[in-house]
């Protein structure tokens, strides 16, 4: 009798992989972030990535990070967490959100308000900034748990070749 395969990925790797794959949809030239929301039954209930709101052309708004406020992307870009929440198909109470980058304070408010109870992230590169501190203060106050994902796999390759399926 053949045994089952032993080298499959775990749930955390799977859902973070979905978040990272979603980030590939972002047209932002400097930062690509994706998010995946999962319920207690390990079912995906929402995904999102950073980009402009629906109906706002990627060609008519700036992608710059520096300059006058209205000449940068910051007043216009929707973050991955916000899009995942808005794109969700079910109630988000007690769900977990997987995201490549630790949420900013604006996304933290949306996460808390939506009922999500856990944030799993890969990078906390803005640790110590006021936005990051505010996010953690709100998460701690509201009971939202957050954890950095320590992966057993550093890289997973996906092939779209028919012969690999």
N, C-alpha and C. Protein backbone atom coordinates (compact mmCIF):
# COMPACT_ATOMS: atom_id res chain seq x y z
N UNK A 1 0.84 -1.18 0.00
CA UNK A 1 0.00 0.00 0.00
C UNK A 1 0.89 1.25 0.00
N UNK A 2 0.54 2.18 -0.85
CA UNK A 2 1.28 3.43 -0.98
C UNK A 2 0.98 4.34 0.21
N UNK A 3 2.01 4.99 0.77
CA UNK A 3 1.83 5.92 1.89
C UNK A 3 1.58 7.32 1.36
N UNK A 4 0.98 8.11 2.20
CA UNK A 4 0.72 9.49 1.81
C UNK A 4 2.03 10.27 1.72
N UNK A 5 2.00 11.32 0.95
CA UNK A 5 3.14 12.20 0.78
C UNK A 5 3.41 12.92 2.10
N UNK A 6 4.68 13.07 2.47
CA UNK A 6 5.06 13.69 3.74
C UNK A 6 5.50 15.14 3.59
N UNK A 7 5.76 15.60 2.38
CA UNK A 7 6.33 16.93 2.19
C UNK A 7 5.29 17.99 1.80
N UNK A 8 4.05 17.83 2.27
CA UNK A 8 3.02 18.82 1.96
C UNK A 8 3.15 20.01 2.92
N UNK A 9 2.59 21.15 2.53
CA UNK A 9 2.69 22.35 3.36
C UNK A 9 1.57 22.36 4.41
N UNK A 10 1.82 23.05 5.51
CA UNK A 10 0.82 23.20 6.57
C UNK A 10 -0.16 24.32 6.26
N UNK A 11 -1.16 24.47 7.13
CA UNK A 11 -2.18 25.49 6.92
C UNK A 11 -1.58 26.89 6.90
N UNK A 12 -0.68 27.20 7.83
CA UNK A 12 -0.08 28.54 7.85
C UNK A 12 0.65 28.85 6.55
N UNK A 13 1.43 27.90 6.06
CA UNK A 13 2.15 28.11 4.80
C UNK A 13 1.17 28.27 3.63
N UNK A 14 0.12 27.47 3.65
CA UNK A 14 -0.87 27.53 2.58
C UNK A 14 -1.54 28.90 2.53
N UNK A 15 -2.04 29.37 3.66
CA UNK A 15 -2.76 30.64 3.67
C UNK A 15 -1.84 31.83 3.45
N UNK A 16 -0.62 31.77 3.98
CA UNK A 16 0.33 32.85 3.72
C UNK A 16 0.71 32.83 2.24
N UNK A 17 0.79 31.64 1.66
CA UNK A 17 1.06 31.52 0.22
C UNK A 17 -0.02 32.18 -0.62
N UNK A 18 -1.27 32.02 -0.21
CA UNK A 18 -2.39 32.67 -0.90
C UNK A 18 -2.25 34.19 -0.79
N UNK A 19 -1.88 34.68 0.40
CA UNK A 19 -1.68 36.12 0.60
C UNK A 19 -0.56 36.63 -0.30
N UNK A 20 0.55 35.89 -0.35
CA UNK A 20 1.69 36.32 -1.18
C UNK A 20 1.37 36.24 -2.66
N UNK A 21 0.63 35.23 -3.07
CA UNK A 21 0.21 35.13 -4.47
C UNK A 21 -0.75 36.28 -4.82
N UNK A 22 -1.63 36.63 -3.90
CA UNK A 22 -2.54 37.77 -4.13
C UNK A 22 -1.75 39.06 -4.31
N UNK A 23 -0.65 39.20 -3.58
CA UNK A 23 0.18 40.40 -3.69
C UNK A 23 0.71 40.59 -5.10
N UNK A 24 0.86 39.51 -5.83
CA UNK A 24 1.36 39.58 -7.20
C UNK A 24 0.38 40.31 -8.13
N UNK A 25 -0.86 40.52 -7.68
CA UNK A 25 -1.85 41.27 -8.46
C UNK A 25 -1.64 42.78 -8.33
N UNK A 26 -0.90 43.21 -7.31
CA UNK A 26 -0.68 44.64 -7.08
C UNK A 26 0.16 45.25 -8.20
N UNK A 27 -0.23 46.44 -8.62
CA UNK A 27 0.53 47.16 -9.66
C UNK A 27 1.47 48.18 -9.05
N UNK A 28 1.50 48.26 -7.72
CA UNK A 28 2.37 49.20 -7.02
C UNK A 28 3.82 48.85 -7.31
N UNK A 29 4.61 49.78 -7.86
CA UNK A 29 5.99 49.47 -8.22
C UNK A 29 6.94 49.32 -7.03
N UNK A 30 6.53 49.76 -5.83
CA UNK A 30 7.45 49.69 -4.70
C UNK A 30 7.03 48.72 -3.61
N UNK A 31 5.75 48.51 -3.41
CA UNK A 31 5.28 47.64 -2.32
C UNK A 31 4.12 46.79 -2.81
N UNK A 32 4.26 45.49 -2.69
CA UNK A 32 3.17 44.58 -3.04
C UNK A 32 2.81 43.78 -1.80
N UNK A 33 1.57 43.96 -1.35
CA UNK A 33 1.10 43.27 -0.15
C UNK A 33 -0.20 42.56 -0.50
N UNK A 34 -0.35 41.35 0.01
CA UNK A 34 -1.58 40.59 -0.15
C UNK A 34 -2.08 40.15 1.21
N UNK A 35 -3.38 39.84 1.27
CA UNK A 35 -3.99 39.39 2.52
C UNK A 35 -4.98 38.27 2.21
N UNK A 36 -5.08 37.34 3.15
CA UNK A 36 -6.00 36.21 3.03
C UNK A 36 -6.70 36.03 4.38
N UNK A 37 -8.04 36.07 4.37
CA UNK A 37 -8.81 35.89 5.59
C UNK A 37 -9.40 34.49 5.60
N UNK A 38 -9.26 33.83 6.76
CA UNK A 38 -9.65 32.43 6.91
C UNK A 38 -10.53 32.27 8.15
N UNK A 39 -11.57 31.45 8.03
CA UNK A 39 -12.41 31.21 9.20
C UNK A 39 -11.90 30.02 10.01
N UNK A 40 -12.60 29.69 11.08
CA UNK A 40 -12.16 28.62 11.99
C UNK A 40 -12.15 27.25 11.32
N UNK A 41 -12.89 27.08 10.23
CA UNK A 41 -12.93 25.80 9.51
C UNK A 41 -11.86 25.74 8.42
N UNK A 42 -10.90 26.65 8.45
CA UNK A 42 -9.83 26.74 7.44
C UNK A 42 -10.37 26.96 6.03
N UNK A 43 -11.42 27.75 5.94
CA UNK A 43 -11.98 28.13 4.65
C UNK A 43 -11.65 29.60 4.39
N UNK A 44 -11.20 29.88 3.19
CA UNK A 44 -10.88 31.25 2.81
C UNK A 44 -12.17 32.02 2.60
N UNK A 45 -12.30 33.16 3.27
CA UNK A 45 -13.52 33.96 3.16
C UNK A 45 -13.25 35.35 2.57
N UNK A 46 -11.97 35.67 2.32
CA UNK A 46 -11.65 36.95 1.70
C UNK A 46 -10.19 37.03 1.31
N UNK A 47 -9.90 37.68 0.20
CA UNK A 47 -8.53 37.95 -0.23
C UNK A 47 -8.46 39.37 -0.77
N UNK A 48 -7.28 39.94 -0.73
CA UNK A 48 -7.10 41.29 -1.25
C UNK A 48 -5.64 41.62 -1.45
N UNK A 49 -5.40 42.70 -2.16
CA UNK A 49 -4.04 43.19 -2.38
C UNK A 49 -4.12 44.71 -2.46
N UNK A 50 -2.96 45.38 -2.33
CA UNK A 50 -2.96 46.84 -2.35
C UNK A 50 -3.09 47.38 -3.77
N UNK A 51 -3.94 48.38 -3.91
CA UNK A 51 -4.15 49.01 -5.20
C UNK A 51 -5.19 50.11 -5.08
N UNK A 52 -5.47 50.77 -6.19
CA UNK A 52 -6.43 51.86 -6.19
C UNK A 52 -7.86 51.34 -6.10
N UNK A 53 -8.77 52.16 -5.58
CA UNK A 53 -10.18 51.75 -5.51
C UNK A 53 -10.76 51.47 -6.91
N UNK A 54 -11.76 50.65 -6.91
CA UNK A 54 -12.46 50.29 -8.15
C UNK A 54 -12.89 51.55 -8.88
N UNK A 55 -12.62 51.61 -10.16
CA UNK A 55 -13.01 52.76 -10.98
C UNK A 55 -11.95 53.85 -11.07
N UNK A 56 -10.91 53.78 -10.24
CA UNK A 56 -9.81 54.75 -10.29
C UNK A 56 -8.69 54.15 -11.13
N UNK A 57 -8.47 54.70 -12.30
CA UNK A 57 -7.51 54.13 -13.23
C UNK A 57 -6.09 54.17 -12.69
N UNK A 58 -5.38 53.06 -12.86
CA UNK A 58 -3.98 52.96 -12.45
C UNK A 58 -3.11 53.94 -13.22
N UNK A 59 -3.58 54.41 -14.35
CA UNK A 59 -2.81 55.33 -15.18
C UNK A 59 -3.05 56.80 -14.82
N UNK A 60 -4.12 57.08 -14.07
CA UNK A 60 -4.48 58.46 -13.78
C UNK A 60 -4.10 58.93 -12.38
N UNK A 61 -3.55 58.03 -11.57
CA UNK A 61 -3.17 58.38 -10.21
C UNK A 61 -1.68 58.07 -10.01
N UNK A 62 -1.04 58.79 -9.11
CA UNK A 62 0.41 58.62 -8.92
C UNK A 62 0.77 57.37 -8.13
N UNK A 63 1.94 56.83 -8.42
CA UNK A 63 2.51 55.70 -7.68
C UNK A 63 3.71 56.15 -6.84
N UNK A 64 4.01 57.45 -6.85
CA UNK A 64 5.18 57.97 -6.15
C UNK A 64 5.04 57.83 -4.64
N UNK A 65 6.19 57.69 -3.97
CA UNK A 65 6.24 57.60 -2.51
C UNK A 65 6.61 58.93 -1.87
N UNK A 66 7.19 59.83 -2.64
CA UNK A 66 7.63 61.12 -2.11
C UNK A 66 7.07 62.25 -2.96
N UNK A 67 6.92 63.41 -2.33
CA UNK A 67 6.40 64.59 -3.00
C UNK A 67 5.24 65.16 -2.21
N UNK A 68 4.54 66.11 -2.82
CA UNK A 68 3.35 66.67 -2.20
C UNK A 68 2.33 65.55 -2.01
N UNK A 69 1.54 65.64 -0.96
CA UNK A 69 0.61 64.57 -0.59
C UNK A 69 -0.21 64.06 -1.78
N UNK A 70 -0.84 64.95 -2.52
CA UNK A 70 -1.68 64.54 -3.64
C UNK A 70 -0.89 64.06 -4.86
N UNK A 71 0.42 64.19 -4.80
CA UNK A 71 1.28 63.68 -5.88
C UNK A 71 1.88 62.32 -5.52
N UNK A 72 1.45 61.76 -4.38
CA UNK A 72 1.91 60.44 -3.96
C UNK A 72 0.75 59.45 -4.01
N UNK A 73 1.08 58.19 -3.82
CA UNK A 73 0.06 57.13 -3.83
C UNK A 73 -0.75 57.08 -2.53
N UNK A 74 -0.23 57.65 -1.45
CA UNK A 74 -0.78 57.43 -0.12
C UNK A 74 -2.23 57.84 0.09
N UNK A 75 -2.72 58.93 -0.48
CA UNK A 75 -4.13 59.22 -0.25
C UNK A 75 -5.08 58.36 -1.08
N UNK A 76 -4.56 57.59 -2.01
CA UNK A 76 -5.40 56.87 -2.96
C UNK A 76 -5.39 55.34 -2.83
N UNK A 77 -4.30 54.76 -2.39
CA UNK A 77 -4.16 53.30 -2.38
C UNK A 77 -4.96 52.66 -1.25
N UNK A 78 -5.70 51.63 -1.59
CA UNK A 78 -6.38 50.77 -0.61
C UNK A 78 -5.38 49.69 -0.23
N UNK A 79 -5.27 49.42 1.06
CA UNK A 79 -4.34 48.38 1.52
C UNK A 79 -4.96 47.00 1.36
N UNK A 80 -4.11 46.00 1.32
CA UNK A 80 -4.54 44.61 1.11
C UNK A 80 -5.56 44.17 2.16
N UNK A 81 -5.32 44.54 3.42
CA UNK A 81 -6.23 44.15 4.50
C UNK A 81 -7.62 44.74 4.29
N UNK A 82 -7.66 46.01 3.90
CA UNK A 82 -8.95 46.67 3.64
C UNK A 82 -9.68 45.97 2.50
N UNK A 83 -8.96 45.68 1.42
CA UNK A 83 -9.58 45.01 0.28
C UNK A 83 -10.06 43.61 0.65
N UNK A 84 -9.28 42.88 1.42
CA UNK A 84 -9.70 41.53 1.83
C UNK A 84 -10.98 41.59 2.66
N UNK A 85 -11.07 42.57 3.55
CA UNK A 85 -12.28 42.72 4.37
C UNK A 85 -13.47 43.10 3.48
N UNK A 86 -13.27 44.05 2.58
CA UNK A 86 -14.37 44.48 1.70
C UNK A 86 -14.75 43.40 0.69
N UNK A 87 -13.80 42.54 0.32
CA UNK A 87 -14.06 41.47 -0.64
C UNK A 87 -14.57 40.19 0.03
N UNK A 88 -14.72 40.20 1.34
CA UNK A 88 -15.09 38.97 2.05
C UNK A 88 -16.52 38.55 1.73
N UNK A 89 -16.76 37.26 1.88
CA UNK A 89 -18.07 36.70 1.53
C UNK A 89 -18.86 36.23 2.75
N UNK A 90 -18.26 36.30 3.94
CA UNK A 90 -18.94 35.83 5.15
C UNK A 90 -18.65 36.78 6.29
N UNK A 91 -19.32 36.52 7.41
CA UNK A 91 -19.00 37.25 8.63
C UNK A 91 -17.58 36.94 9.02
N UNK A 92 -16.86 37.93 9.52
CA UNK A 92 -15.44 37.75 9.82
C UNK A 92 -15.15 37.54 11.30
N UNK A 93 -16.19 37.42 12.12
CA UNK A 93 -15.98 37.18 13.54
C UNK A 93 -15.12 35.95 13.76
N UNK A 94 -14.10 36.09 14.59
CA UNK A 94 -13.19 35.01 14.98
C UNK A 94 -12.33 34.48 13.83
N UNK A 95 -12.21 35.23 12.76
CA UNK A 95 -11.36 34.82 11.64
C UNK A 95 -9.91 35.20 11.89
N UNK A 96 -9.04 34.68 11.04
CA UNK A 96 -7.61 34.99 11.05
C UNK A 96 -7.27 35.65 9.71
N UNK A 97 -6.45 36.69 9.76
CA UNK A 97 -5.97 37.32 8.53
C UNK A 97 -4.48 37.06 8.40
N UNK A 98 -4.08 36.55 7.24
CA UNK A 98 -2.68 36.34 6.89
C UNK A 98 -2.26 37.49 5.99
N UNK A 99 -1.16 38.13 6.33
CA UNK A 99 -0.71 39.28 5.55
C UNK A 99 0.82 39.32 5.56
N UNK A 100 1.39 39.70 4.42
CA UNK A 100 2.84 39.73 4.32
C UNK A 100 3.49 40.77 5.21
N UNK A 101 2.84 41.91 5.37
CA UNK A 101 3.40 43.04 6.11
C UNK A 101 2.48 43.39 7.28
N UNK A 102 3.07 43.59 8.47
CA UNK A 102 2.27 43.91 9.66
C UNK A 102 1.36 45.11 9.35
N UNK A 103 0.09 45.06 9.75
CA UNK A 103 -0.88 46.10 9.39
C UNK A 103 -0.57 47.47 9.98
N UNK A 104 -0.83 48.51 9.18
CA UNK A 104 -0.73 49.89 9.66
C UNK A 104 -1.90 50.17 10.61
N UNK A 105 -1.88 51.33 11.22
CA UNK A 105 -2.93 51.68 12.19
C UNK A 105 -4.32 51.78 11.55
N UNK A 106 -4.39 52.22 10.30
CA UNK A 106 -5.70 52.31 9.63
C UNK A 106 -6.27 50.91 9.38
N UNK A 107 -5.42 50.01 8.93
CA UNK A 107 -5.87 48.64 8.69
C UNK A 107 -6.19 47.93 10.00
N UNK A 108 -5.43 48.25 11.05
CA UNK A 108 -5.70 47.66 12.37
C UNK A 108 -7.11 47.99 12.82
N UNK A 109 -7.53 49.24 12.59
CA UNK A 109 -8.89 49.63 12.97
C UNK A 109 -9.93 48.81 12.20
N UNK A 110 -9.70 48.63 10.91
CA UNK A 110 -10.64 47.84 10.09
C UNK A 110 -10.65 46.38 10.53
N UNK A 111 -9.49 45.84 10.83
CA UNK A 111 -9.40 44.45 11.28
C UNK A 111 -10.18 44.25 12.58
N UNK A 112 -9.96 45.13 13.53
CA UNK A 112 -10.65 45.05 14.82
C UNK A 112 -12.15 45.19 14.63
N UNK A 113 -12.56 46.19 13.87
CA UNK A 113 -13.99 46.47 13.67
C UNK A 113 -14.69 45.32 12.96
N UNK A 114 -13.98 44.60 12.10
CA UNK A 114 -14.59 43.50 11.34
C UNK A 114 -14.81 42.25 12.19
N UNK A 115 -14.13 42.16 13.32
CA UNK A 115 -14.28 40.98 14.18
C UNK A 115 -13.16 39.97 14.04
N UNK A 116 -12.20 40.22 13.17
CA UNK A 116 -11.04 39.33 13.02
C UNK A 116 -10.31 39.27 14.35
N UNK A 117 -9.89 38.08 14.76
CA UNK A 117 -9.28 37.90 16.08
C UNK A 117 -7.80 37.56 16.06
N UNK A 118 -7.24 37.26 14.86
CA UNK A 118 -5.82 36.93 14.80
C UNK A 118 -5.21 37.50 13.53
N UNK A 119 -3.99 38.03 13.67
CA UNK A 119 -3.21 38.54 12.55
C UNK A 119 -1.93 37.73 12.48
N UNK A 120 -1.67 37.12 11.33
CA UNK A 120 -0.44 36.37 11.09
C UNK A 120 0.32 37.12 10.01
N UNK A 121 1.58 37.47 10.28
CA UNK A 121 2.35 38.29 9.36
C UNK A 121 3.74 37.71 9.15
N UNK A 122 4.39 38.13 8.06
CA UNK A 122 5.76 37.73 7.77
C UNK A 122 6.76 38.80 8.17
N UNK A 123 6.49 40.04 7.78
CA UNK A 123 7.44 41.13 8.01
C UNK A 123 6.85 42.19 8.94
N UNK A 124 7.69 42.68 9.83
CA UNK A 124 7.32 43.78 10.72
C UNK A 124 8.35 44.90 10.52
N UNK A 125 8.63 45.21 9.24
CA UNK A 125 9.72 46.12 8.92
C UNK A 125 9.49 47.55 9.41
N UNK A 126 8.27 47.90 9.78
CA UNK A 126 8.01 49.23 10.31
C UNK A 126 7.87 49.22 11.84
N UNK A 127 8.36 48.17 12.46
CA UNK A 127 8.32 48.05 13.92
C UNK A 127 8.95 49.30 14.55
N UNK A 128 8.27 49.84 15.55
CA UNK A 128 8.80 51.02 16.24
C UNK A 128 8.28 52.34 15.71
N UNK A 129 7.67 52.34 14.53
CA UNK A 129 7.09 53.58 14.02
C UNK A 129 5.80 53.87 14.79
N UNK A 130 5.35 55.12 14.74
CA UNK A 130 4.13 55.48 15.46
C UNK A 130 2.92 54.68 14.96
N UNK A 131 2.82 54.48 13.65
CA UNK A 131 1.71 53.70 13.08
C UNK A 131 1.74 52.27 13.61
N UNK A 132 2.92 51.68 13.65
CA UNK A 132 3.08 50.31 14.13
C UNK A 132 2.74 50.21 15.62
N UNK A 133 3.22 51.17 16.38
CA UNK A 133 2.91 51.18 17.82
C UNK A 133 1.41 51.32 18.06
N UNK A 134 0.76 52.19 17.27
CA UNK A 134 -0.68 52.38 17.41
C UNK A 134 -1.42 51.08 17.09
N UNK A 135 -1.00 50.38 16.02
CA UNK A 135 -1.64 49.11 15.66
C UNK A 135 -1.54 48.12 16.81
N UNK A 136 -0.37 47.98 17.36
CA UNK A 136 -0.16 47.02 18.44
C UNK A 136 -0.93 47.41 19.70
N UNK A 137 -0.98 48.71 19.99
CA UNK A 137 -1.77 49.17 21.15
C UNK A 137 -3.24 48.81 20.98
N UNK A 138 -3.79 49.05 19.77
CA UNK A 138 -5.20 48.74 19.52
C UNK A 138 -5.44 47.24 19.53
N UNK A 139 -4.55 46.46 18.91
CA UNK A 139 -4.71 45.00 18.92
C UNK A 139 -4.68 44.48 20.36
N UNK A 140 -3.71 44.94 21.15
CA UNK A 140 -3.59 44.49 22.54
C UNK A 140 -4.83 44.86 23.34
N UNK A 141 -5.34 46.06 23.15
CA UNK A 141 -6.51 46.54 23.89
C UNK A 141 -7.77 45.77 23.52
N UNK A 142 -7.90 45.41 22.25
CA UNK A 142 -9.13 44.76 21.76
C UNK A 142 -9.07 43.24 21.80
N UNK A 143 -7.93 42.68 22.16
CA UNK A 143 -7.82 41.22 22.24
C UNK A 143 -7.48 40.54 20.92
N UNK A 144 -7.07 41.31 19.91
CA UNK A 144 -6.64 40.70 18.65
C UNK A 144 -5.20 40.20 18.84
N UNK A 145 -5.00 38.93 18.61
CA UNK A 145 -3.69 38.31 18.75
C UNK A 145 -2.92 38.49 17.45
N UNK A 146 -1.63 38.74 17.54
CA UNK A 146 -0.79 38.83 16.33
C UNK A 146 0.47 38.03 16.56
N UNK A 147 0.91 37.40 15.45
CA UNK A 147 2.12 36.58 15.54
C UNK A 147 2.87 36.59 14.22
N UNK A 148 4.19 36.60 14.37
CA UNK A 148 5.06 36.50 13.19
C UNK A 148 5.12 35.03 12.80
N UNK A 149 4.97 34.76 11.53
CA UNK A 149 4.99 33.39 11.04
C UNK A 149 6.43 32.94 10.81
N UNK A 150 6.81 31.90 11.49
CA UNK A 150 8.12 31.28 11.29
C UNK A 150 7.91 30.05 10.43
N UNK A 151 8.35 30.15 9.20
CA UNK A 151 8.07 29.10 8.21
C UNK A 151 9.14 28.03 8.17
N UNK A 152 8.68 26.81 7.92
CA UNK A 152 9.63 25.72 7.69
C UNK A 152 10.13 25.77 6.24
N UNK A 153 9.31 26.27 5.34
CA UNK A 153 9.68 26.42 3.94
C UNK A 153 9.95 27.89 3.67
N UNK A 154 11.08 28.20 3.05
CA UNK A 154 11.40 29.59 2.74
C UNK A 154 10.86 29.94 1.36
N UNK A 155 10.82 28.98 0.47
CA UNK A 155 10.40 29.24 -0.90
C UNK A 155 9.58 28.06 -1.40
N UNK A 156 8.47 28.37 -2.03
CA UNK A 156 7.62 27.36 -2.66
C UNK A 156 7.43 27.78 -4.10
N UNK A 157 7.71 26.90 -5.03
CA UNK A 157 7.56 27.22 -6.45
C UNK A 157 6.23 26.72 -6.97
N UNK A 158 5.64 27.51 -7.85
CA UNK A 158 4.39 27.14 -8.50
C UNK A 158 4.66 27.08 -9.99
N UNK A 159 4.27 26.00 -10.61
CA UNK A 159 4.44 25.84 -12.04
C UNK A 159 3.07 25.80 -12.71
N UNK A 160 2.97 26.53 -13.80
CA UNK A 160 1.74 26.52 -14.59
C UNK A 160 1.88 25.64 -15.83
N UNK A 161 2.94 24.88 -15.88
CA UNK A 161 3.14 23.97 -17.00
C UNK A 161 2.19 22.81 -16.89
N UNK A 162 1.53 22.49 -17.98
CA UNK A 162 0.55 21.41 -17.99
C UNK A 162 1.15 20.08 -17.56
N UNK A 163 2.37 19.83 -17.96
CA UNK A 163 2.98 18.54 -17.61
C UNK A 163 3.32 18.41 -16.12
N UNK A 164 3.30 19.52 -15.39
CA UNK A 164 3.59 19.48 -13.96
C UNK A 164 2.34 19.26 -13.11
N UNK A 165 1.20 19.21 -13.76
CA UNK A 165 -0.07 19.06 -13.02
C UNK A 165 -0.42 17.59 -12.92
